[in-house]
Amino acid sequence: AGLRLLEDGPTEVAGVGFAGAKGFCGGFDKHMLQPWGERTIKQFVADAVAESMHLESALAKLRMERKLAVLHYAPVKGTVEGEPLEIYPYLGSSRMAEPLDHFGVSAVVHGHAHGGSPEARTARGIPVYNVALPLLRKRNPQQPFLVLTL
């Protein structure tokens, strides 16, 4: 059927490069969890860093101009806005935005923030789209999908 798991590495389809990672929790910007204190907290942050490195490695292998990053967790705070403020740290991490900006992807899609906002941008202006199905259904019940032109 042509299924390709992005967890196994990046792929190219019709001249567009696709890189994916689960992403991770940890918070955004100056409120990002740091590796201090208990061993469990340090391991949690290490897992977030490992996911960011996984994405960075995949993006580094893509040599084409048009690239799409596919994540589960949000890489920017803007697409979780609308969720309860208390759960922001569990919806994503800014650590994932660093490789996106560094490698200049064309766009990013993610889910997980079912009550968040549909679109935001990274620090360097890369569009990030929250494509969580409940959010897409809320915006357009008859056509709960997003069409991107890269």
N, C-alpha and C. Protein backbone atom coordinates (compact mmCIF):
# COMPACT_ATOMS: atom_id res chain seq x y z
N ALA A 1 0.83 -1.20 0.00
CA ALA A 1 0.00 0.00 0.00
C ALA A 1 0.86 1.25 0.00
N GLY A 2 2.16 1.11 0.18
CA GLY A 2 3.05 2.27 0.15
C GLY A 2 3.16 3.02 1.47
N LEU A 3 2.72 2.41 2.56
CA LEU A 3 2.79 3.04 3.87
C LEU A 3 4.25 3.21 4.29
N ARG A 4 4.59 4.38 4.76
CA ARG A 4 5.94 4.65 5.24
C ARG A 4 5.86 5.22 6.64
N LEU A 5 6.52 4.59 7.59
CA LEU A 5 6.53 5.08 8.97
C LEU A 5 7.64 6.11 9.12
N LEU A 6 7.26 7.32 9.45
CA LEU A 6 8.26 8.39 9.58
C LEU A 6 9.13 8.20 10.80
N GLU A 7 8.69 7.40 11.73
CA GLU A 7 9.52 7.09 12.89
C GLU A 7 10.80 6.38 12.46
N ASP A 8 10.73 5.65 11.33
CA ASP A 8 11.89 4.92 10.81
C ASP A 8 12.85 5.80 10.02
N GLY A 9 12.45 7.03 9.74
CA GLY A 9 13.29 7.94 8.98
C GLY A 9 12.47 8.75 7.99
N PRO A 10 13.08 9.74 7.40
CA PRO A 10 12.35 10.61 6.48
C PRO A 10 12.07 9.90 5.16
N THR A 11 11.18 10.48 4.37
CA THR A 11 10.87 9.93 3.06
C THR A 11 10.54 11.08 2.11
N GLU A 12 10.51 10.76 0.84
CA GLU A 12 10.17 11.75 -0.17
C GLU A 12 9.01 11.22 -1.00
N VAL A 13 8.03 12.08 -1.25
CA VAL A 13 6.89 11.73 -2.09
C VAL A 13 6.67 12.91 -3.04
N ALA A 14 6.77 12.64 -4.33
CA ALA A 14 6.51 13.66 -5.36
C ALA A 14 7.30 14.95 -5.13
N GLY A 15 8.55 14.80 -4.74
CA GLY A 15 9.41 15.97 -4.56
C GLY A 15 9.26 16.69 -3.24
N VAL A 16 8.42 16.18 -2.36
CA VAL A 16 8.23 16.77 -1.03
C VAL A 16 8.86 15.83 -0.01
N GLY A 17 9.68 16.37 0.86
CA GLY A 17 10.29 15.59 1.93
C GLY A 17 9.41 15.58 3.16
N PHE A 18 9.28 14.42 3.79
CA PHE A 18 8.49 14.27 5.00
C PHE A 18 9.38 13.76 6.11
N ALA A 19 9.37 14.45 7.24
CA ALA A 19 10.10 14.01 8.43
C ALA A 19 9.12 14.02 9.59
N GLY A 20 9.21 13.03 10.44
CA GLY A 20 8.27 12.96 11.54
C GLY A 20 8.91 12.56 12.84
N ALA A 21 8.23 12.92 13.89
CA ALA A 21 8.62 12.53 15.25
C ALA A 21 7.39 12.65 16.12
N LYS A 22 7.39 11.90 17.19
CA LYS A 22 6.28 12.00 18.13
C LYS A 22 6.27 13.38 18.77
N GLY A 23 7.45 13.89 19.06
CA GLY A 23 7.52 15.11 19.86
C GLY A 23 7.43 14.73 21.32
N PHE A 24 7.21 15.71 22.17
CA PHE A 24 7.12 15.40 23.59
C PHE A 24 6.55 16.59 24.35
N CYS A 25 6.28 16.35 25.61
CA CYS A 25 5.78 17.39 26.52
C CYS A 25 6.95 18.20 27.06
N GLY A 26 6.63 19.17 27.89
CA GLY A 26 7.68 19.90 28.58
C GLY A 26 7.48 21.39 28.65
N GLY A 27 6.55 21.92 27.88
CA GLY A 27 6.27 23.35 27.97
C GLY A 27 6.95 24.17 26.88
N PHE A 28 6.70 25.45 26.94
CA PHE A 28 7.08 26.32 25.85
C PHE A 28 7.89 27.53 26.32
N ASP A 29 8.82 27.90 25.45
CA ASP A 29 9.60 29.13 25.62
C ASP A 29 10.26 29.19 26.99
N LYS A 30 10.15 30.30 27.69
CA LYS A 30 10.85 30.44 28.98
C LYS A 30 10.26 29.56 30.07
N HIS A 31 9.12 28.91 29.80
CA HIS A 31 8.49 28.03 30.78
C HIS A 31 8.77 26.55 30.50
N MET A 32 9.72 26.28 29.61
CA MET A 32 10.08 24.90 29.30
C MET A 32 10.75 24.25 30.51
N LEU A 33 10.34 23.02 30.80
CA LEU A 33 10.93 22.28 31.91
C LEU A 33 12.42 22.07 31.66
N GLN A 34 13.22 22.27 32.69
CA GLN A 34 14.67 22.11 32.61
C GLN A 34 15.10 20.89 33.43
N PRO A 35 16.28 20.32 33.11
CA PRO A 35 16.73 19.08 33.76
C PRO A 35 17.38 19.30 35.12
N TRP A 36 16.61 19.70 36.09
CA TRP A 36 17.13 19.89 37.43
C TRP A 36 16.24 19.16 38.43
N GLY A 37 16.76 18.93 39.60
CA GLY A 37 15.97 18.30 40.65
C GLY A 37 16.03 16.79 40.60
N GLU A 38 14.87 16.19 40.73
CA GLU A 38 14.74 14.74 40.84
C GLU A 38 15.19 14.02 39.56
N ARG A 39 15.67 12.81 39.74
CA ARG A 39 16.11 11.98 38.61
C ARG A 39 14.99 11.81 37.58
N THR A 40 13.77 11.65 38.04
CA THR A 40 12.64 11.45 37.14
C THR A 40 12.42 12.68 36.25
N ILE A 41 12.57 13.85 36.80
CA ILE A 41 12.44 15.09 36.00
C ILE A 41 13.56 15.15 34.97
N LYS A 42 14.76 14.82 35.38
CA LYS A 42 15.89 14.83 34.44
C LYS A 42 15.66 13.85 33.29
N GLN A 43 15.12 12.68 33.59
CA GLN A 43 14.83 11.70 32.55
C GLN A 43 13.73 12.18 31.62
N PHE A 44 12.72 12.84 32.17
CA PHE A 44 11.62 13.40 31.38
C PHE A 44 12.17 14.40 30.36
N VAL A 45 13.04 15.29 30.82
CA VAL A 45 13.66 16.28 29.93
C VAL A 45 14.56 15.59 28.91
N ALA A 46 15.29 14.57 29.34
CA ALA A 46 16.15 13.83 28.41
C ALA A 46 15.32 13.19 27.29
N ASP A 47 14.14 12.69 27.62
CA ASP A 47 13.25 12.12 26.60
C ASP A 47 12.80 13.20 25.61
N ALA A 48 12.50 14.38 26.11
CA ALA A 48 12.10 15.49 25.23
C ALA A 48 13.26 15.88 24.30
N VAL A 49 14.45 15.94 24.84
CA VAL A 49 15.62 16.27 24.03
C VAL A 49 15.87 15.18 22.98
N ALA A 50 15.71 13.93 23.36
CA ALA A 50 15.90 12.82 22.41
C ALA A 50 14.92 12.92 21.25
N GLU A 51 13.68 13.27 21.50
CA GLU A 51 12.70 13.43 20.43
C GLU A 51 13.09 14.57 19.50
N SER A 52 13.58 15.65 20.06
CA SER A 52 14.04 16.78 19.26
C SER A 52 15.22 16.38 18.38
N MET A 53 16.13 15.59 18.94
CA MET A 53 17.29 15.12 18.17
C MET A 53 16.86 14.15 17.07
N HIS A 54 15.85 13.33 17.34
CA HIS A 54 15.31 12.41 16.33
C HIS A 54 14.78 13.22 15.14
N LEU A 55 14.03 14.27 15.42
CA LEU A 55 13.50 15.13 14.36
C LEU A 55 14.64 15.83 13.62
N GLU A 56 15.60 16.35 14.36
CA GLU A 56 16.74 17.02 13.74
C GLU A 56 17.49 16.09 12.79
N SER A 57 17.71 14.85 13.21
CA SER A 57 18.40 13.88 12.38
C SER A 57 17.62 13.60 11.09
N ALA A 58 16.31 13.45 11.21
CA ALA A 58 15.48 13.19 10.02
C ALA A 58 15.50 14.38 9.07
N LEU A 59 15.37 15.58 9.60
CA LEU A 59 15.37 16.77 8.75
C LEU A 59 16.72 16.97 8.06
N ALA A 60 17.80 16.62 8.74
CA ALA A 60 19.14 16.78 8.15
C ALA A 60 19.32 15.91 6.92
N LYS A 61 18.55 14.84 6.80
CA LYS A 61 18.67 13.93 5.66
C LYS A 61 17.87 14.38 4.44
N LEU A 62 17.00 15.36 4.63
CA LEU A 62 16.17 15.84 3.52
C LEU A 62 16.90 16.95 2.77
N ARG A 63 17.08 16.78 1.48
CA ARG A 63 17.84 17.73 0.67
C ARG A 63 16.96 18.57 -0.27
N MET A 64 15.66 18.31 -0.28
CA MET A 64 14.80 19.03 -1.20
C MET A 64 14.32 20.35 -0.58
N GLU A 65 13.79 21.22 -1.41
CA GLU A 65 13.35 22.54 -0.96
C GLU A 65 12.07 22.46 -0.13
N ARG A 66 11.11 21.63 -0.57
CA ARG A 66 9.82 21.54 0.13
C ARG A 66 9.88 20.40 1.13
N LYS A 67 9.64 20.75 2.41
CA LYS A 67 9.70 19.77 3.49
C LYS A 67 8.52 19.98 4.44
N LEU A 68 7.91 18.88 4.85
CA LEU A 68 6.81 18.92 5.80
C LEU A 68 7.21 18.10 7.02
N ALA A 69 7.05 18.69 8.19
CA ALA A 69 7.30 17.96 9.44
C ALA A 69 5.96 17.52 10.01
N VAL A 70 5.90 16.27 10.45
CA VAL A 70 4.68 15.69 11.00
C VAL A 70 4.97 15.29 12.44
N LEU A 71 4.24 15.88 13.38
CA LEU A 71 4.45 15.63 14.80
C LEU A 71 3.13 15.25 15.46
N HIS A 72 3.23 14.68 16.64
CA HIS A 72 2.03 14.47 17.45
C HIS A 72 1.85 15.66 18.40
N TYR A 73 2.85 15.96 19.18
CA TYR A 73 2.80 17.07 20.14
C TYR A 73 3.11 18.40 19.44
N ALA A 74 2.61 19.48 20.00
CA ALA A 74 2.80 20.81 19.44
C ALA A 74 4.23 21.30 19.65
N PRO A 75 4.82 21.94 18.63
CA PRO A 75 6.15 22.52 18.79
C PRO A 75 6.12 24.00 19.19
N VAL A 76 4.95 24.61 19.18
CA VAL A 76 4.81 26.03 19.54
C VAL A 76 3.58 26.22 20.43
N LYS A 77 3.65 27.21 21.29
CA LYS A 77 2.56 27.50 22.21
C LYS A 77 1.30 27.98 21.48
N GLY A 78 1.47 28.65 20.37
CA GLY A 78 0.34 29.26 19.68
C GLY A 78 -0.76 28.30 19.29
N THR A 79 -0.43 27.05 18.97
CA THR A 79 -1.47 26.10 18.55
C THR A 79 -2.10 25.35 19.71
N VAL A 80 -1.66 25.59 20.93
CA VAL A 80 -2.34 25.00 22.08
C VAL A 80 -3.22 26.03 22.78
N GLU A 81 -3.11 27.28 22.36
CA GLU A 81 -3.95 28.33 22.97
C GLU A 81 -5.41 28.01 22.71
N GLY A 82 -6.19 28.07 23.79
CA GLY A 82 -7.58 27.65 23.76
C GLY A 82 -7.80 26.46 24.68
N GLU A 83 -6.71 25.75 24.95
CA GLU A 83 -6.74 24.67 25.94
C GLU A 83 -6.59 25.31 27.32
N PRO A 84 -6.93 24.59 28.39
CA PRO A 84 -6.69 25.13 29.72
C PRO A 84 -5.20 25.42 29.93
N LEU A 85 -4.89 26.58 30.42
CA LEU A 85 -3.50 27.00 30.63
C LEU A 85 -2.70 25.97 31.44
N GLU A 86 -3.36 25.33 32.39
CA GLU A 86 -2.68 24.37 33.28
C GLU A 86 -2.14 23.17 32.53
N ILE A 87 -2.68 22.83 31.35
CA ILE A 87 -2.20 21.63 30.66
C ILE A 87 -1.25 21.94 29.50
N TYR A 88 -0.94 23.21 29.27
CA TYR A 88 0.00 23.57 28.20
C TYR A 88 1.27 22.71 28.22
N PRO A 89 1.92 22.53 29.38
CA PRO A 89 3.17 21.75 29.39
C PRO A 89 3.01 20.31 28.93
N TYR A 90 1.79 19.77 28.94
CA TYR A 90 1.55 18.39 28.53
C TYR A 90 1.16 18.27 27.07
N LEU A 91 1.07 19.41 26.39
CA LEU A 91 0.62 19.41 25.00
C LEU A 91 1.75 19.58 23.99
N GLY A 92 2.96 19.86 24.49
CA GLY A 92 4.07 20.00 23.56
C GLY A 92 5.28 20.64 24.20
N SER A 93 6.25 20.97 23.33
CA SER A 93 7.50 21.55 23.80
C SER A 93 8.16 22.37 22.71
N SER A 94 8.67 23.51 23.09
CA SER A 94 9.42 24.37 22.16
C SER A 94 10.72 23.71 21.68
N ARG A 95 11.16 22.69 22.38
CA ARG A 95 12.37 22.00 21.93
C ARG A 95 12.22 21.48 20.51
N MET A 96 11.01 21.14 20.12
CA MET A 96 10.76 20.62 18.77
C MET A 96 10.85 21.72 17.71
N ALA A 97 10.65 22.96 18.10
CA ALA A 97 10.68 24.07 17.13
C ALA A 97 12.10 24.40 16.67
N GLU A 98 13.08 24.14 17.50
CA GLU A 98 14.46 24.49 17.15
C GLU A 98 14.94 23.83 15.86
N PRO A 99 14.79 22.50 15.69
CA PRO A 99 15.22 21.89 14.42
C PRO A 99 14.34 22.32 13.24
N LEU A 100 13.07 22.61 13.49
CA LEU A 100 12.19 23.07 12.40
C LEU A 100 12.71 24.38 11.83
N ASP A 101 13.06 25.30 12.71
CA ASP A 101 13.60 26.58 12.27
C ASP A 101 14.98 26.43 11.64
N HIS A 102 15.80 25.59 12.24
CA HIS A 102 17.17 25.42 11.74
C HIS A 102 17.19 24.88 10.31
N PHE A 103 16.34 23.90 10.03
CA PHE A 103 16.34 23.28 8.70
C PHE A 103 15.31 23.88 7.75
N GLY A 104 14.60 24.91 8.20
CA GLY A 104 13.71 25.65 7.32
C GLY A 104 12.63 24.83 6.64
N VAL A 105 11.86 24.07 7.42
CA VAL A 105 10.78 23.31 6.81
C VAL A 105 9.74 24.25 6.21
N SER A 106 8.97 23.74 5.28
CA SER A 106 7.93 24.55 4.64
C SER A 106 6.72 24.73 5.55
N ALA A 107 6.38 23.68 6.29
CA ALA A 107 5.23 23.72 7.19
C ALA A 107 5.33 22.56 8.17
N VAL A 108 4.52 22.64 9.23
CA VAL A 108 4.47 21.63 10.27
C VAL A 108 3.01 21.31 10.55
N VAL A 109 2.71 20.03 10.73
CA VAL A 109 1.38 19.63 11.20
C VAL A 109 1.54 18.82 12.48
N HIS A 110 0.58 18.98 13.38
CA HIS A 110 0.56 18.20 14.62
C HIS A 110 -0.87 18.03 15.07
N GLY A 111 -1.08 17.14 16.01
CA GLY A 111 -2.38 16.93 16.62
C GLY A 111 -2.29 17.19 18.10
N HIS A 112 -2.93 16.36 18.89
CA HIS A 112 -2.85 16.30 20.34
C HIS A 112 -3.60 17.42 21.07
N ALA A 113 -3.58 18.64 20.58
CA ALA A 113 -4.25 19.76 21.26
C ALA A 113 -5.65 19.91 20.68
N HIS A 114 -6.57 19.08 21.14
CA HIS A 114 -7.91 19.00 20.56
C HIS A 114 -8.71 20.29 20.68
N GLY A 115 -8.41 21.09 21.69
CA GLY A 115 -9.14 22.34 21.88
C GLY A 115 -8.29 23.56 21.62
N GLY A 116 -7.16 23.36 20.96
CA GLY A 116 -6.23 24.46 20.71
C GLY A 116 -6.63 25.34 19.55
N SER A 117 -5.66 26.02 19.01
CA SER A 117 -5.85 26.94 17.89
C SER A 117 -5.37 26.29 16.60
N PRO A 118 -5.97 26.67 15.48
CA PRO A 118 -5.65 25.99 14.22
C PRO A 118 -4.28 26.31 13.63
N GLU A 119 -3.74 27.49 13.90
CA GLU A 119 -2.50 27.86 13.22
C GLU A 119 -1.68 28.82 14.07
N ALA A 120 -0.37 28.66 13.97
CA ALA A 120 0.59 29.58 14.61
C ALA A 120 1.87 29.52 13.78
N ARG A 121 2.91 30.16 14.26
CA ARG A 121 4.19 30.17 13.55
C ARG A 121 5.34 29.97 14.54
N THR A 122 6.43 29.41 14.02
CA THR A 122 7.64 29.28 14.83
C THR A 122 8.29 30.66 14.94
N ALA A 123 9.36 30.74 15.69
CA ALA A 123 10.07 32.01 15.85
C ALA A 123 10.55 32.57 14.52
N ARG A 124 10.87 31.70 13.58
CA ARG A 124 11.34 32.14 12.25
C ARG A 124 10.22 32.22 11.22
N GLY A 125 8.98 32.07 11.66
CA GLY A 125 7.85 32.27 10.78
C GLY A 125 7.33 31.07 10.02
N ILE A 126 7.77 29.88 10.38
CA ILE A 126 7.29 28.67 9.71
C ILE A 126 5.86 28.38 10.18
N PRO A 127 4.93 28.16 9.26
CA PRO A 127 3.56 27.88 9.68
C PRO A 127 3.43 26.51 10.34
N VAL A 128 2.69 26.50 11.46
CA VAL A 128 2.42 25.29 12.22
C VAL A 128 0.90 25.13 12.28
N TYR A 129 0.42 23.98 11.84
CA TYR A 129 -1.01 23.71 11.79
C TYR A 129 -1.39 22.61 12.77
N ASN A 130 -2.37 22.90 13.60
CA ASN A 130 -2.93 21.92 14.52
C ASN A 130 -4.03 21.19 13.76
N VAL A 131 -3.80 19.94 13.43
CA VAL A 131 -4.76 19.16 12.64
C VAL A 131 -5.45 18.08 13.49
N ALA A 132 -5.57 18.32 14.79
CA ALA A 132 -6.30 17.40 15.65
C ALA A 132 -7.74 17.31 15.13
N LEU A 133 -8.23 16.11 14.94
CA LEU A 133 -9.54 15.91 14.34
C LEU A 133 -10.67 16.65 15.07
N PRO A 134 -10.73 16.63 16.41
CA PRO A 134 -11.80 17.39 17.06
C PRO A 134 -11.77 18.89 16.71
N LEU A 135 -10.58 19.45 16.57
CA LEU A 135 -10.46 20.86 16.20
C LEU A 135 -10.91 21.07 14.75
N LEU A 136 -10.49 20.17 13.85
CA LEU A 136 -10.91 20.29 12.45
C LEU A 136 -12.42 20.15 12.32
N ARG A 137 -13.01 19.23 13.07
CA ARG A 137 -14.47 19.06 13.04
C ARG A 137 -15.19 20.29 13.56
N LYS A 138 -14.63 20.91 14.58
CA LYS A 138 -15.23 22.12 15.15
C LYS A 138 -15.22 23.26 14.13
N ARG A 139 -14.14 23.37 13.38
CA ARG A 139 -14.00 24.45 12.39
C ARG A 139 -14.88 24.23 11.17
N ASN A 140 -14.96 22.96 10.73
CA ASN A 140 -15.73 22.67 9.51
C ASN A 140 -16.24 21.23 9.57
N PRO A 141 -17.41 21.01 10.17
CA PRO A 141 -17.92 19.65 10.35
C PRO A 141 -18.09 18.87 9.04
N GLN A 142 -18.40 19.55 7.94
CA GLN A 142 -18.61 18.86 6.67
C GLN A 142 -17.29 18.46 6.00
N GLN A 143 -16.23 19.18 6.28
CA GLN A 143 -14.93 18.89 5.67
C GLN A 143 -13.83 18.99 6.74
N PRO A 144 -13.75 18.00 7.64
CA PRO A 144 -12.77 18.07 8.72
C PRO A 144 -11.37 17.64 8.28
N PHE A 145 -10.78 18.43 7.38
CA PHE A 145 -9.41 18.14 6.96
C PHE A 145 -8.76 19.45 6.54
N LEU A 146 -7.47 19.40 6.33
CA LEU A 146 -6.69 20.56 5.92
C LEU A 146 -5.95 20.21 4.63
N VAL A 147 -6.01 21.09 3.67
CA VAL A 147 -5.26 20.92 2.44
C VAL A 147 -4.13 21.95 2.44
N LEU A 148 -2.91 21.46 2.32
CA LEU A 148 -1.73 22.34 2.26
C LEU A 148 -1.14 22.30 0.87
N THR A 149 -0.75 23.44 0.39
CA THR A 149 0.00 23.52 -0.87
C THR A 149 1.40 23.99 -0.51
N LEU A 150 2.38 23.15 -0.80
CA LEU A 150 3.77 23.50 -0.46
C LEU A 150 4.50 23.98 -1.70
